[in-house]
């Protein structure tokens, strides 16, 4: 039986995923169209039965396909000190990888 959703750890964050969803994660070293696997599954729901990992669910794997790579919107970092005429403005655009979740395979 396929799982209905899972919580995976990727890029320093935890993301809830379900089959068919498209999610944005930090940049991965994979080409567009290539299949990637996320083996750090923290929680798994298999149609009502919830498995919580300690710290990970053993053997559980989330398979996904890379759809696109790109850069996110610009985030402005602005610093200032009042009455001192100190102002610094800096922008940052984070790289990301867009992946489509294909399947969630439960472990042991």
PDB file of N, CA and C in Angstrom:
ATOM      1  N   UNK A   1       0.843  -1.188   0.000  1.00  0.00           N
ATOM      2  CA  UNK A   1       0.000   0.000   0.000  1.00  0.00           C
ATOM      3  C   UNK A   1       0.881   1.241   0.000  1.00  0.00           C
ATOM      4  N   UNK A   2       0.598   2.199  -0.874  1.00  0.00           N
ATOM      5  CA  UNK A   2       1.375   3.423  -0.938  1.00  0.00           C
ATOM      6  C   UNK A   2       0.975   4.361   0.182  1.00  0.00           C
ATOM      7  N   UNK A   3       1.939   5.133   0.615  1.00  0.00           N
ATOM      8  CA  UNK A   3       1.695   6.082   1.697  1.00  0.00           C
ATOM      9  C   UNK A   3       0.943   7.291   1.166  1.00  0.00           C
ATOM     10  N   UNK A   4       0.135   7.902   2.044  1.00  0.00           N
ATOM     11  CA  UNK A   4      -0.631   9.063   1.620  1.00  0.00           C
ATOM     12  C   UNK A   4       0.157  10.352   1.777  1.00  0.00           C
ATOM     13  N   UNK A   5       1.029  10.428   2.803  1.00  0.00           N
ATOM     14  CA  UNK A   5       1.938  11.567   2.901  1.00  0.00           C
ATOM     15  C   UNK A   5       3.127  11.198   3.772  1.00  0.00           C
ATOM     16  N   UNK A   6       4.160  12.030   3.688  1.00  0.00           N
ATOM     17  CA  UNK A   6       5.375  11.813   4.478  1.00  0.00           C
ATOM     18  C   UNK A   6       5.982  13.161   4.808  1.00  0.00           C
ATOM     19  N   UNK A   7       6.817  13.182   5.825  1.00  0.00           N
ATOM     20  CA  UNK A   7       7.594  14.370   6.169  1.00  0.00           C
ATOM     21  C   UNK A   7       9.055  14.002   5.953  1.00  0.00           C
ATOM     22  N   UNK A   8       9.721  14.766   5.066  1.00  0.00           N
ATOM     23  CA  UNK A   8      11.122  14.496   4.755  1.00  0.00           C
ATOM     24  C   UNK A   8      11.975  15.665   5.217  1.00  0.00           C
ATOM     25  N   UNK A   9      13.262  15.392   5.416  1.00  0.00           N
ATOM     26  CA  UNK A   9      14.227  16.427   5.774  1.00  0.00           C
ATOM     27  C   UNK A   9      15.133  16.649   4.577  1.00  0.00           C
ATOM     28  N   UNK A  10      15.176  17.885   4.087  1.00  0.00           N
ATOM     29  CA  UNK A  10      16.046  18.228   2.972  1.00  0.00           C
ATOM     30  C   UNK A  10      16.418  19.704   3.069  1.00  0.00           C
ATOM     31  N   UNK A  11      17.682  19.994   2.867  1.00  0.00           N
ATOM     32  CA  UNK A  11      18.138  21.375   2.878  1.00  0.00           C
ATOM     33  C   UNK A  11      17.991  22.065   4.218  1.00  0.00           C
ATOM     34  N   UNK A  12      18.070  21.311   5.313  1.00  0.00           N
ATOM     35  CA  UNK A  12      17.963  21.936   6.627  1.00  0.00           C
ATOM     36  C   UNK A  12      16.549  22.202   7.076  1.00  0.00           C
ATOM     37  N   UNK A  13      15.549  21.771   6.310  1.00  0.00           N
ATOM     38  CA  UNK A  13      14.152  21.968   6.689  1.00  0.00           C
ATOM     39  C   UNK A  13      13.393  20.655   6.608  1.00  0.00           C
ATOM     40  N   UNK A  14      12.190  20.693   7.172  1.00  0.00           N
ATOM     41  CA  UNK A  14      11.298  19.541   7.088  1.00  0.00           C
ATOM     42  C   UNK A  14      10.130  19.917   6.189  1.00  0.00           C
ATOM     43  N   UNK A  15       9.789  19.039   5.249  1.00  0.00           N
ATOM     44  CA  UNK A  15       8.766  19.326   4.257  1.00  0.00           C
ATOM     45  C   UNK A  15       7.758  18.179   4.238  1.00  0.00           C
ATOM     46  N   UNK A  16       6.463  18.520   4.294  1.00  0.00           N
ATOM     47  CA  UNK A  16       5.408  17.519   4.171  1.00  0.00           C
ATOM     48  C   UNK A  16       5.123  17.328   2.691  1.00  0.00           C
ATOM     49  N   UNK A  17       5.182  16.076   2.217  1.00  0.00           N
ATOM     50  CA  UNK A  17       5.010  15.794   0.795  1.00  0.00           C
ATOM     51  C   UNK A  17       3.964  14.704   0.606  1.00  0.00           C
ATOM     52  N   UNK A  18       3.329  14.732  -0.554  1.00  0.00           N
ATOM     53  CA  UNK A  18       2.360  13.716  -0.947  1.00  0.00           C
ATOM     54  C   UNK A  18       2.589  13.399  -2.421  1.00  0.00           C
ATOM     55  N   UNK A  19       2.239  12.196  -2.867  1.00  0.00           N
ATOM     56  CA  UNK A  19       2.441  11.843  -4.280  1.00  0.00           C
ATOM     57  C   UNK A  19       1.674  12.794  -5.206  1.00  0.00           C
ATOM     58  N   UNK A  20       2.353  13.240  -6.266  1.00  0.00           N
ATOM     59  CA  UNK A  20       1.745  14.151  -7.225  1.00  0.00           C
ATOM     60  C   UNK A  20       2.025  15.617  -6.941  1.00  0.00           C
ATOM     61  N   UNK A  21       2.513  15.949  -5.746  1.00  0.00           N
ATOM     62  CA  UNK A  21       2.816  17.341  -5.409  1.00  0.00           C
ATOM     63  C   UNK A  21       4.110  17.790  -6.075  1.00  0.00           C
ATOM     64  N   UNK A  22       4.217  19.098  -6.285  1.00  0.00           N
ATOM     65  CA  UNK A  22       5.452  19.699  -6.769  1.00  0.00           C
ATOM     66  C   UNK A  22       5.956  20.618  -5.670  1.00  0.00           C
ATOM     67  N   UNK A  23       7.178  20.392  -5.207  1.00  0.00           N
ATOM     68  CA  UNK A  23       7.722  21.190  -4.113  1.00  0.00           C
ATOM     69  C   UNK A  23       9.034  21.833  -4.528  1.00  0.00           C
ATOM     70  N   UNK A  24       9.379  22.913  -3.835  1.00  0.00           N
ATOM     71  CA  UNK A  24      10.609  23.643  -4.089  1.00  0.00           C
ATOM     72  C   UNK A  24      11.570  23.357  -2.938  1.00  0.00           C
ATOM     73  N   UNK A  25      12.746  22.802  -3.259  1.00  0.00           N
ATOM     74  CA  UNK A  25      13.754  22.489  -2.246  1.00  0.00           C
ATOM     75  C   UNK A  25      15.045  23.213  -2.604  1.00  0.00           C
ATOM     76  N   UNK A  26      15.980  23.255  -1.657  1.00  0.00           N
ATOM     77  CA  UNK A  26      17.278  23.841  -1.954  1.00  0.00           C
ATOM     78  C   UNK A  26      17.937  23.073  -3.095  1.00  0.00           C
ATOM     79  N   UNK A  27      18.854  23.737  -3.788  1.00  0.00           N
ATOM     80  CA  UNK A  27      19.425  23.174  -5.008  1.00  0.00           C
ATOM     81  C   UNK A  27      20.051  21.805  -4.776  1.00  0.00           C
ATOM     82  N   UNK A  28      19.695  20.868  -5.655  1.00  0.00           N
ATOM     83  CA  UNK A  28      20.236  19.514  -5.626  1.00  0.00           C
ATOM     84  C   UNK A  28      21.191  19.337  -6.799  1.00  0.00           C
ATOM     85  N   UNK A  29      22.076  18.368  -6.686  1.00  0.00           N
ATOM     86  CA  UNK A  29      23.019  18.091  -7.778  1.00  0.00           C
ATOM     87  C   UNK A  29      22.409  17.045  -8.695  1.00  0.00           C
ATOM     88  N   UNK A  30      21.347  17.427  -9.392  1.00  0.00           N
ATOM     89  CA  UNK A  30      20.666  16.518 -10.320  1.00  0.00           C
ATOM     90  C   UNK A  30      20.222  17.317 -11.536  1.00  0.00           C
ATOM     91  N   UNK A  31      20.196  16.653 -12.670  1.00  0.00           N
ATOM     92  CA  UNK A  31      19.772  17.281 -13.915  1.00  0.00           C
ATOM     93  C   UNK A  31      18.246  17.251 -14.027  1.00  0.00           C
ATOM     94  N   UNK A  32      17.706  18.107 -14.891  1.00  0.00           N
ATOM     95  CA  UNK A  32      16.265  18.129 -15.134  1.00  0.00           C
ATOM     96  C   UNK A  32      15.847  16.807 -15.765  1.00  0.00           C
ATOM     97  N   UNK A  33      14.797  16.192 -15.221  1.00  0.00           N
ATOM     98  CA  UNK A  33      14.316  14.913 -15.705  1.00  0.00           C
ATOM     99  C   UNK A  33      14.889  13.718 -14.960  1.00  0.00           C
ATOM    100  N   UNK A  34      15.900  13.950 -14.156  1.00  0.00           N
ATOM    101  CA  UNK A  34      16.533  12.858 -13.412  1.00  0.00           C
ATOM    102  C   UNK A  34      15.717  12.536 -12.163  1.00  0.00           C
ATOM    103  N   UNK A  35      15.748  11.266 -11.751  1.00  0.00           N
ATOM    104  CA  UNK A  35      15.021  10.850 -10.553  1.00  0.00           C
ATOM    105  C   UNK A  35      15.931  10.978  -9.332  1.00  0.00           C
ATOM    106  N   UNK A  36      15.383  11.537  -8.252  1.00  0.00           N
ATOM    107  CA  UNK A  36      16.122  11.671  -7.000  1.00  0.00           C
ATOM    108  C   UNK A  36      15.350  10.945  -5.903  1.00  0.00           C
ATOM    109  N   UNK A  37      16.080  10.504  -4.873  1.00  0.00           N
ATOM    110  CA  UNK A  37      15.431   9.836  -3.750  1.00  0.00           C
ATOM    111  C   UNK A  37      15.763  10.574  -2.466  1.00  0.00           C
ATOM    112  N   UNK A  38      14.779  10.717  -1.621  1.00  0.00           N
ATOM    113  CA  UNK A  38      14.950  11.307  -0.308  1.00  0.00           C
ATOM    114  C   UNK A  38      14.799  10.178   0.706  1.00  0.00           C
ATOM    115  N   UNK A  39      15.890   9.845   1.379  1.00  0.00           N
ATOM    116  CA  UNK A  39      15.839   8.721   2.319  1.00  0.00           C
ATOM    117  C   UNK A  39      15.724   9.170   3.770  1.00  0.00           C
ATOM    118  N   UNK A  40      15.770  10.461   4.017  1.00  0.00           N
ATOM    119  CA  UNK A  40      15.602  10.974   5.381  1.00  0.00           C
ATOM    120  C   UNK A  40      14.112  11.250   5.622  1.00  0.00           C
ATOM    121  N   UNK A  41      13.349  10.182   5.821  1.00  0.00           N
ATOM    122  CA  UNK A  41      11.906  10.272   6.058  1.00  0.00           C
ATOM    123  C   UNK A  41      11.685  10.274   7.561  1.00  0.00           C
ATOM    124  N   UNK A  42      11.071  11.355   8.067  1.00  0.00           N
ATOM    125  CA  UNK A  42      10.890  11.509   9.503  1.00  0.00           C
ATOM    126  C   UNK A  42       9.543  10.996   9.987  1.00  0.00           C
ATOM    127  N   UNK A  43       8.528  11.052   9.128  1.00  0.00           N
ATOM    128  CA  UNK A  43       7.188  10.614   9.489  1.00  0.00           C
ATOM    129  C   UNK A  43       6.527  10.055   8.247  1.00  0.00           C
ATOM    130  N   UNK A  44       5.699   9.037   8.439  1.00  0.00           N
ATOM    131  CA  UNK A  44       5.068   8.365   7.307  1.00  0.00           C
ATOM    132  C   UNK A  44       3.637   8.011   7.684  1.00  0.00           C
ATOM    133  N   UNK A  45       2.680   8.393   6.836  1.00  0.00           N
ATOM    134  CA  UNK A  45       1.266   8.051   7.060  1.00  0.00           C
ATOM    135  C   UNK A  45       0.840   7.106   5.945  1.00  0.00           C
ATOM    136  N   UNK A  46       0.516   5.874   6.299  1.00  0.00           N
ATOM    137  CA  UNK A  46       0.099   4.879   5.315  1.00  0.00           C
ATOM    138  C   UNK A  46      -1.386   4.608   5.478  1.00  0.00           C
ATOM    139  N   UNK A  47      -2.196   5.559   5.111  1.00  0.00           N
ATOM    140  CA  UNK A  47      -3.647   5.383   5.155  1.00  0.00           C
ATOM    141  C   UNK A  47      -4.196   5.172   6.551  1.00  0.00           C
ATOM    142  N   UNK A  48      -3.816   6.012   7.488  1.00  0.00           N
ATOM    143  CA  UNK A  48      -4.343   5.902   8.848  1.00  0.00           C
ATOM    144  C   UNK A  48      -3.326   5.416   9.855  1.00  0.00           C
ATOM    145  N   UNK A  49      -2.355   4.614   9.428  1.00  0.00           N
ATOM    146  CA  UNK A  49      -1.301   4.149  10.333  1.00  0.00           C
ATOM    147  C   UNK A  49      -0.107   5.088  10.196  1.00  0.00           C
ATOM    148  N   UNK A  50       0.230   5.760  11.290  1.00  0.00           N
ATOM    149  CA  UNK A  50       1.307   6.750  11.264  1.00  0.00           C
ATOM    150  C   UNK A  50       2.555   6.151  11.894  1.00  0.00           C
ATOM    151  N   UNK A  51       3.677   6.225  11.166  1.00  0.00           N
ATOM    152  CA  UNK A  51       4.966   5.783  11.683  1.00  0.00           C
ATOM    153  C   UNK A  51       5.831   7.003  11.916  1.00  0.00           C
ATOM    154  N   UNK A  52       6.327   7.147  13.133  1.00  0.00           N
ATOM    155  CA  UNK A  52       7.213   8.255  13.472  1.00  0.00           C
ATOM    156  C   UNK A  52       8.607   7.689  13.647  1.00  0.00           C
ATOM    157  N   UNK A  53       9.570   8.271  12.954  1.00  0.00           N
ATOM    158  CA  UNK A  53      10.934   7.787  13.013  1.00  0.00           C
ATOM    159  C   UNK A  53      11.643   8.230  14.272  1.00  0.00           C
ATOM    160  N   UNK A  54      12.684   7.490  14.628  1.00  0.00           N
ATOM    161  CA  UNK A  54      13.490   7.840  15.781  1.00  0.00           C
ATOM    162  C   UNK A  54      14.962   7.734  15.420  1.00  0.00           C
ATOM    163  N   UNK A  55      15.576   8.649  14.715  1.00  0.00           N
ATOM    164  CA  UNK A  55      15.011   9.878  14.162  1.00  0.00           C
ATOM    165  C   UNK A  55      14.386   9.703  12.784  1.00  0.00           C
ATOM    166  N   UNK A  56      14.649   8.569  12.087  1.00  0.00           N
ATOM    167  CA  UNK A  56      14.107   8.377  10.747  1.00  0.00           C
ATOM    168  C   UNK A  56      13.363   7.055  10.672  1.00  0.00           C
ATOM    169  N   UNK A  57      12.396   6.983   9.748  1.00  0.00           N
ATOM    170  CA  UNK A  57      11.676   5.728   9.511  1.00  0.00           C
ATOM    171  C   UNK A  57      12.605   4.838   8.687  1.00  0.00           C
ATOM    172  N   UNK A  58      12.951   3.675   9.210  1.00  0.00           N
ATOM    173  CA  UNK A  58      13.943   2.830   8.546  1.00  0.00           C
ATOM    174  C   UNK A  58      13.377   2.223   7.258  1.00  0.00           C
ATOM    175  N   UNK A  59      14.137   2.371   6.196  1.00  0.00           N
ATOM    176  CA  UNK A  59      13.769   1.788   4.914  1.00  0.00           C
ATOM    177  C   UNK A  59      12.806   2.606   4.077  1.00  0.00           C
ATOM    178  N   UNK A  60      12.216   3.644   4.626  1.00  0.00           N
ATOM    179  CA  UNK A  60      11.253   4.451   3.869  1.00  0.00           C
ATOM    180  C   UNK A  60      12.000   5.366   2.897  1.00  0.00           C
ATOM    181  N   UNK A  61      11.451   5.492   1.687  1.00  0.00           N
ATOM    182  CA  UNK A  61      12.083   6.288   0.635  1.00  0.00           C
ATOM    183  C   UNK A  61      11.011   7.071  -0.104  1.00  0.00           C
ATOM    184  N   UNK A  62      11.327   8.333  -0.412  1.00  0.00           N
ATOM    185  CA  UNK A  62      10.453   9.169  -1.241  1.00  0.00           C
ATOM    186  C   UNK A  62      11.177   9.377  -2.562  1.00  0.00           C
ATOM    187  N   UNK A  63      10.513   9.004  -3.671  1.00  0.00           N
ATOM    188  CA  UNK A  63      11.111   9.161  -5.001  1.00  0.00           C
ATOM    189  C   UNK A  63      10.470  10.348  -5.694  1.00  0.00           C
ATOM    190  N   UNK A  64      11.310  11.150  -6.360  1.00  0.00           N
ATOM    191  CA  UNK A  64      10.836  12.355  -7.034  1.00  0.00           C
ATOM    192  C   UNK A  64      11.609  12.551  -8.324  1.00  0.00           C
ATOM    193  N   UNK A  65      11.062  13.384  -9.209  1.00  0.00           N
ATOM    194  CA  UNK A  65      11.699  13.712 -10.480  1.00  0.00           C
ATOM    195  C   UNK A  65      11.954  15.211 -10.518  1.00  0.00           C
ATOM    196  N   UNK A  66      13.147  15.603 -10.958  1.00  0.00           N
ATOM    197  CA  UNK A  66      13.499  17.016 -11.049  1.00  0.00           C
ATOM    198  C   UNK A  66      12.759  17.637 -12.232  1.00  0.00           C
ATOM    199  N   UNK A  67      12.013  18.711 -11.960  1.00  0.00           N
ATOM    200  CA  UNK A  67      11.235  19.384 -12.996  1.00  0.00           C
ATOM    201  C   UNK A  67      11.979  20.598 -13.531  1.00  0.00           C
ATOM    202  N   UNK A  68      12.574  21.382 -12.627  1.00  0.00           N
ATOM    203  CA  UNK A  68      13.173  22.657 -13.033  1.00  0.00           C
ATOM    204  C   UNK A  68      14.207  23.077 -12.007  1.00  0.00           C
ATOM    205  N   UNK A  69      15.174  23.868 -12.438  1.00  0.00           N
ATOM    206  CA  UNK A  69      16.121  24.509 -11.540  1.00  0.00           C
ATOM    207  C   UNK A  69      16.071  25.995 -11.809  1.00  0.00           C
ATOM    208  N   UNK A  70      16.269  26.794 -10.765  1.00  0.00           N
ATOM    209  CA  UNK A  70      16.220  28.230 -10.967  1.00  0.00           C
ATOM    210  C   UNK A  70      16.635  28.992  -9.733  1.00  0.00           C
ATOM    211  N   UNK A  71      16.295  30.284  -9.749  1.00  0.00           N
ATOM    212  CA  UNK A  71      16.593  31.150  -8.614  1.00  0.00           C
ATOM    213  C   UNK A  71      15.297  31.789  -8.147  1.00  0.00           C
ATOM    214  N   UNK A  72      15.167  31.896  -6.836  1.00  0.00           N
ATOM    215  CA  UNK A  72      13.962  32.436  -6.213  1.00  0.00           C
ATOM    216  C   UNK A  72      13.912  33.958  -6.353  1.00  0.00           C
ATOM    217  N   UNK A  73      12.834  34.532  -5.825  1.00  0.00           N
ATOM    218  CA  UNK A  73      12.706  35.994  -5.819  1.00  0.00           C
ATOM    219  C   UNK A  73      13.795  36.620  -4.957  1.00  0.00           C
ATOM    220  N   UNK A  74      14.115  37.861  -5.241  1.00  0.00           N
ATOM    221  CA  UNK A  74      15.163  38.546  -4.490  1.00  0.00           C
ATOM    222  C   UNK A  74      14.669  38.898  -3.093  1.00  0.00           C
ATOM    223  N   UNK A  75      15.524  38.635  -2.107  1.00  0.00           N
ATOM    224  CA  UNK A  75      15.256  39.020  -0.730  1.00  0.00           C
ATOM    225  C   UNK A  75      16.195  40.174  -0.419  1.00  0.00           C
ATOM    226  N   UNK A  76      15.639  41.320   0.000  1.00  0.00           N
ATOM    227  CA  UNK A  76      16.454  42.480   0.324  1.00  0.00           C
ATOM    228  C   UNK A  76      16.846  42.446   1.788  1.00  0.00           C
ATOM    229  N   UNK A  77      18.139  42.664   2.037  1.00  0.00           N
ATOM    230  CA  UNK A  77      18.655  42.743   3.398  1.00  0.00           C
ATOM    231  C   UNK A  77      19.079  44.186   3.592  1.00  0.00           C
ATOM    232  N   UNK A  78      18.373  44.917   4.447  1.00  0.00           N
ATOM    233  CA  UNK A  78      18.636  46.345   4.640  1.00  0.00           C
ATOM    234  C   UNK A  78      19.000  46.584   6.091  1.00  0.00           C
ATOM    235  N   UNK A  79      20.154  47.217   6.305  1.00  0.00           N
ATOM    236  CA  UNK A  79      20.601  47.549   7.656  1.00  0.00           C
ATOM    237  C   UNK A  79      20.670  49.058   7.784  1.00  0.00           C
ATOM    238  N   UNK A  80      20.335  49.572   8.975  1.00  0.00           N
ATOM    239  CA  UNK A  80      20.494  51.004   9.220  1.00  0.00           C
ATOM    240  C   UNK A  80      20.636  51.252  10.699  1.00  0.00           C
ATOM    241  N   UNK A  81      21.304  52.359  11.012  1.00  0.00           N
ATOM    242  CA  UNK A  81      21.409  52.813  12.395  1.00  0.00           C
ATOM    243  C   UNK A  81      20.861  54.226  12.438  1.00  0.00           C
ATOM    244  N   UNK A  82      19.934  54.416  13.345  1.00  0.00           N
ATOM    245  CA  UNK A  82      19.280  55.717  13.382  1.00  0.00           C
ATOM    246  C   UNK A  82      20.256  56.818  13.794  1.00  0.00           C
ATOM    247  N   UNK A  83      20.059  57.976  13.205  1.00  0.00           N
ATOM    248  CA  UNK A  83      20.810  59.208  13.468  1.00  0.00           C
ATOM    249  C   UNK A  83      22.283  59.131  13.079  1.00  0.00           C
ATOM    250  N   UNK A  84      22.746  58.062  12.458  1.00  0.00           N
ATOM    251  CA  UNK A  84      24.166  57.929  12.125  1.00  0.00           C
ATOM    252  C   UNK A  84      24.411  57.898  10.616  1.00  0.00           C
ATOM    253  N   UNK A  85      23.365  57.969   9.830  1.00  0.00           N
ATOM    254  CA  UNK A  85      23.467  57.914   8.364  1.00  0.00           C
ATOM    255  C   UNK A  85      24.148  56.625   7.890  1.00  0.00           C
ATOM    256  N   UNK A  86      23.959  55.536   8.619  1.00  0.00           N
ATOM    257  CA  UNK A  86      24.506  54.244   8.235  1.00  0.00           C
ATOM    258  C   UNK A  86      23.403  53.455   7.570  1.00  0.00           C
ATOM    259  N   UNK A  87      23.593  53.162   6.290  1.00  0.00           N
ATOM    260  CA  UNK A  87      22.620  52.356   5.549  1.00  0.00           C
ATOM    261  C   UNK A  87      23.375  51.402   4.647  1.00  0.00           C
ATOM    262  N   UNK A  88      22.961  50.129   4.675  1.00  0.00           N
ATOM    263  CA  UNK A  88      23.545  49.132   3.789  1.00  0.00           C
ATOM    264  C   UNK A  88      22.398  48.327   3.195  1.00  0.00           C
ATOM    265  N   UNK A  89      22.416  48.178   1.895  1.00  0.00           N
ATOM    266  CA  UNK A  89      21.391  47.413   1.221  1.00  0.00           C
ATOM    267  C   UNK A  89      22.072  46.297   0.435  1.00  0.00           C
ATOM    268  N   UNK A  90      21.518  45.119   0.558  1.00  0.00           N
ATOM    269  CA  UNK A  90      22.100  43.987  -0.136  1.00  0.00           C
ATOM    270  C   UNK A  90      20.979  43.044  -0.548  1.00  0.00           C
ATOM    271  N   UNK A  91      21.104  42.447  -1.717  1.00  0.00           N
ATOM    272  CA  UNK A  91      20.090  41.520  -2.201  1.00  0.00           C
ATOM    273  C   UNK A  91      20.633  40.110  -2.286  1.00  0.00           C
ATOM    274  N   UNK A  92      19.721  39.144  -2.229  1.00  0.00           N
ATOM    275  CA  UNK A  92      20.123  37.743  -2.309  1.00  0.00           C
ATOM    276  C   UNK A  92      19.041  36.963  -3.043  1.00  0.00           C
ATOM    277  N   UNK A  93      19.460  36.099  -3.980  1.00  0.00           N
ATOM    278  CA  UNK A  93      18.526  35.209  -4.678  1.00  0.00           C
ATOM    279  C   UNK A  93      18.981  33.784  -4.448  1.00  0.00           C
ATOM    280  N   UNK A  94      18.131  32.998  -3.797  1.00  0.00           N
ATOM    281  CA  UNK A  94      18.471  31.621  -3.442  1.00  0.00           C
ATOM    282  C   UNK A  94      18.227  30.689  -4.624  1.00  0.00           C
ATOM    283  N   UNK A  95      19.158  29.777  -4.876  1.00  0.00           N
ATOM    284  CA  UNK A  95      18.966  28.752  -5.894  1.00  0.00           C
ATOM    285  C   UNK A  95      18.007  27.691  -5.368  1.00  0.00           C
ATOM    286  N   UNK A  96      17.179  27.135  -6.258  1.00  0.00           N
ATOM    287  CA  UNK A  96      16.245  26.096  -5.846  1.00  0.00           C
ATOM    288  C   UNK A  96      16.133  25.036  -6.934  1.00  0.00           C
ATOM    289  N   UNK A  97      15.567  23.892  -6.544  1.00  0.00           N
ATOM    290  CA  UNK A  97      15.237  22.817  -7.470  1.00  0.00           C
ATOM    291  C   UNK A  97      13.782  22.469  -7.264  1.00  0.00           C
ATOM    292  N   UNK A  98      13.018  22.446  -8.335  1.00  0.00           N
ATOM    293  CA  UNK A  98      11.602  22.096  -8.282  1.00  0.00           C
ATOM    294  C   UNK A  98      11.486  20.604  -8.578  1.00  0.00           C
ATOM    295  N   UNK A  99      10.898  19.848  -7.639  1.00  0.00           N
ATOM    296  CA  UNK A  99      10.774  18.402  -7.820  1.00  0.00           C
ATOM    297  C   UNK A  99       9.318  17.978  -7.706  1.00  0.00           C
ATOM    298  N   UNK A 100       8.945  16.970  -8.491  1.00  0.00           N
ATOM    299  CA  UNK A 100       7.589  16.402  -8.454  1.00  0.00           C
ATOM    300  C   UNK A 100       7.684  15.063  -7.748  1.00  0.00           C
ATOM    301  N   UNK A 101       6.894  14.890  -6.684  1.00  0.00           N
ATOM    302  CA  UNK A 101       6.918  13.667  -5.899  1.00  0.00           C
ATOM    303  C   UNK A 101       6.197  12.567  -6.682  1.00  0.00           C
ATOM    304  N   UNK A 102       6.917  11.476  -6.975  1.00  0.00           N
ATOM    305  CA  UNK A 102       6.353  10.373  -7.722  1.00  0.00           C
ATOM    306  C   UNK A 102       5.710   9.326  -6.805  1.00  0.00           C
ATOM    307  N   UNK A 103       6.477   8.876  -5.818  1.00  0.00           N
ATOM    308  CA  UNK A 103       5.951   7.818  -4.942  1.00  0.00           C
ATOM    309  C   UNK A 103       6.605   7.891  -3.575  1.00  0.00           C
ATOM    310  N   UNK A 104       5.887   7.341  -2.605  1.00  0.00           N
ATOM    311  CA  UNK A 104       6.400   7.219  -1.234  1.00  0.00           C
ATOM    312  C   UNK A 104       6.356   5.737  -0.903  1.00  0.00           C
ATOM    313  N   UNK A 105       7.523   5.158  -0.646  1.00  0.00           N
ATOM    314  CA  UNK A 105       7.608   3.731  -0.369  1.00  0.00           C
ATOM    315  C   UNK A 105       7.883   3.519   1.108  1.00  0.00           C
ATOM    316  N   UNK A 106       6.978   2.842   1.812  1.00  0.00           N
ATOM    317  CA  UNK A 106       7.178   2.616   3.246  1.00  0.00           C
ATOM    318  C   UNK A 106       8.324   1.643   3.483  1.00  0.00           C
ATOM    319  N   UNK A 107       8.882   1.733   4.678  1.00  0.00           N
ATOM    320  CA  UNK A 107      10.015   0.875   5.033  1.00  0.00           C
ATOM    321  C   UNK A 107       9.567  -0.417   5.672  1.00  0.00           C
ATOM    322  N   UNK A 108      10.392  -0.897   6.573  1.00  0.00           N
ATOM    323  CA  UNK A 108      10.147  -2.199   7.231  1.00  0.00           C
ATOM    324  C   UNK A 108       8.982  -2.137   8.178  1.00  0.00           C
TER     325      UNK A 108
END
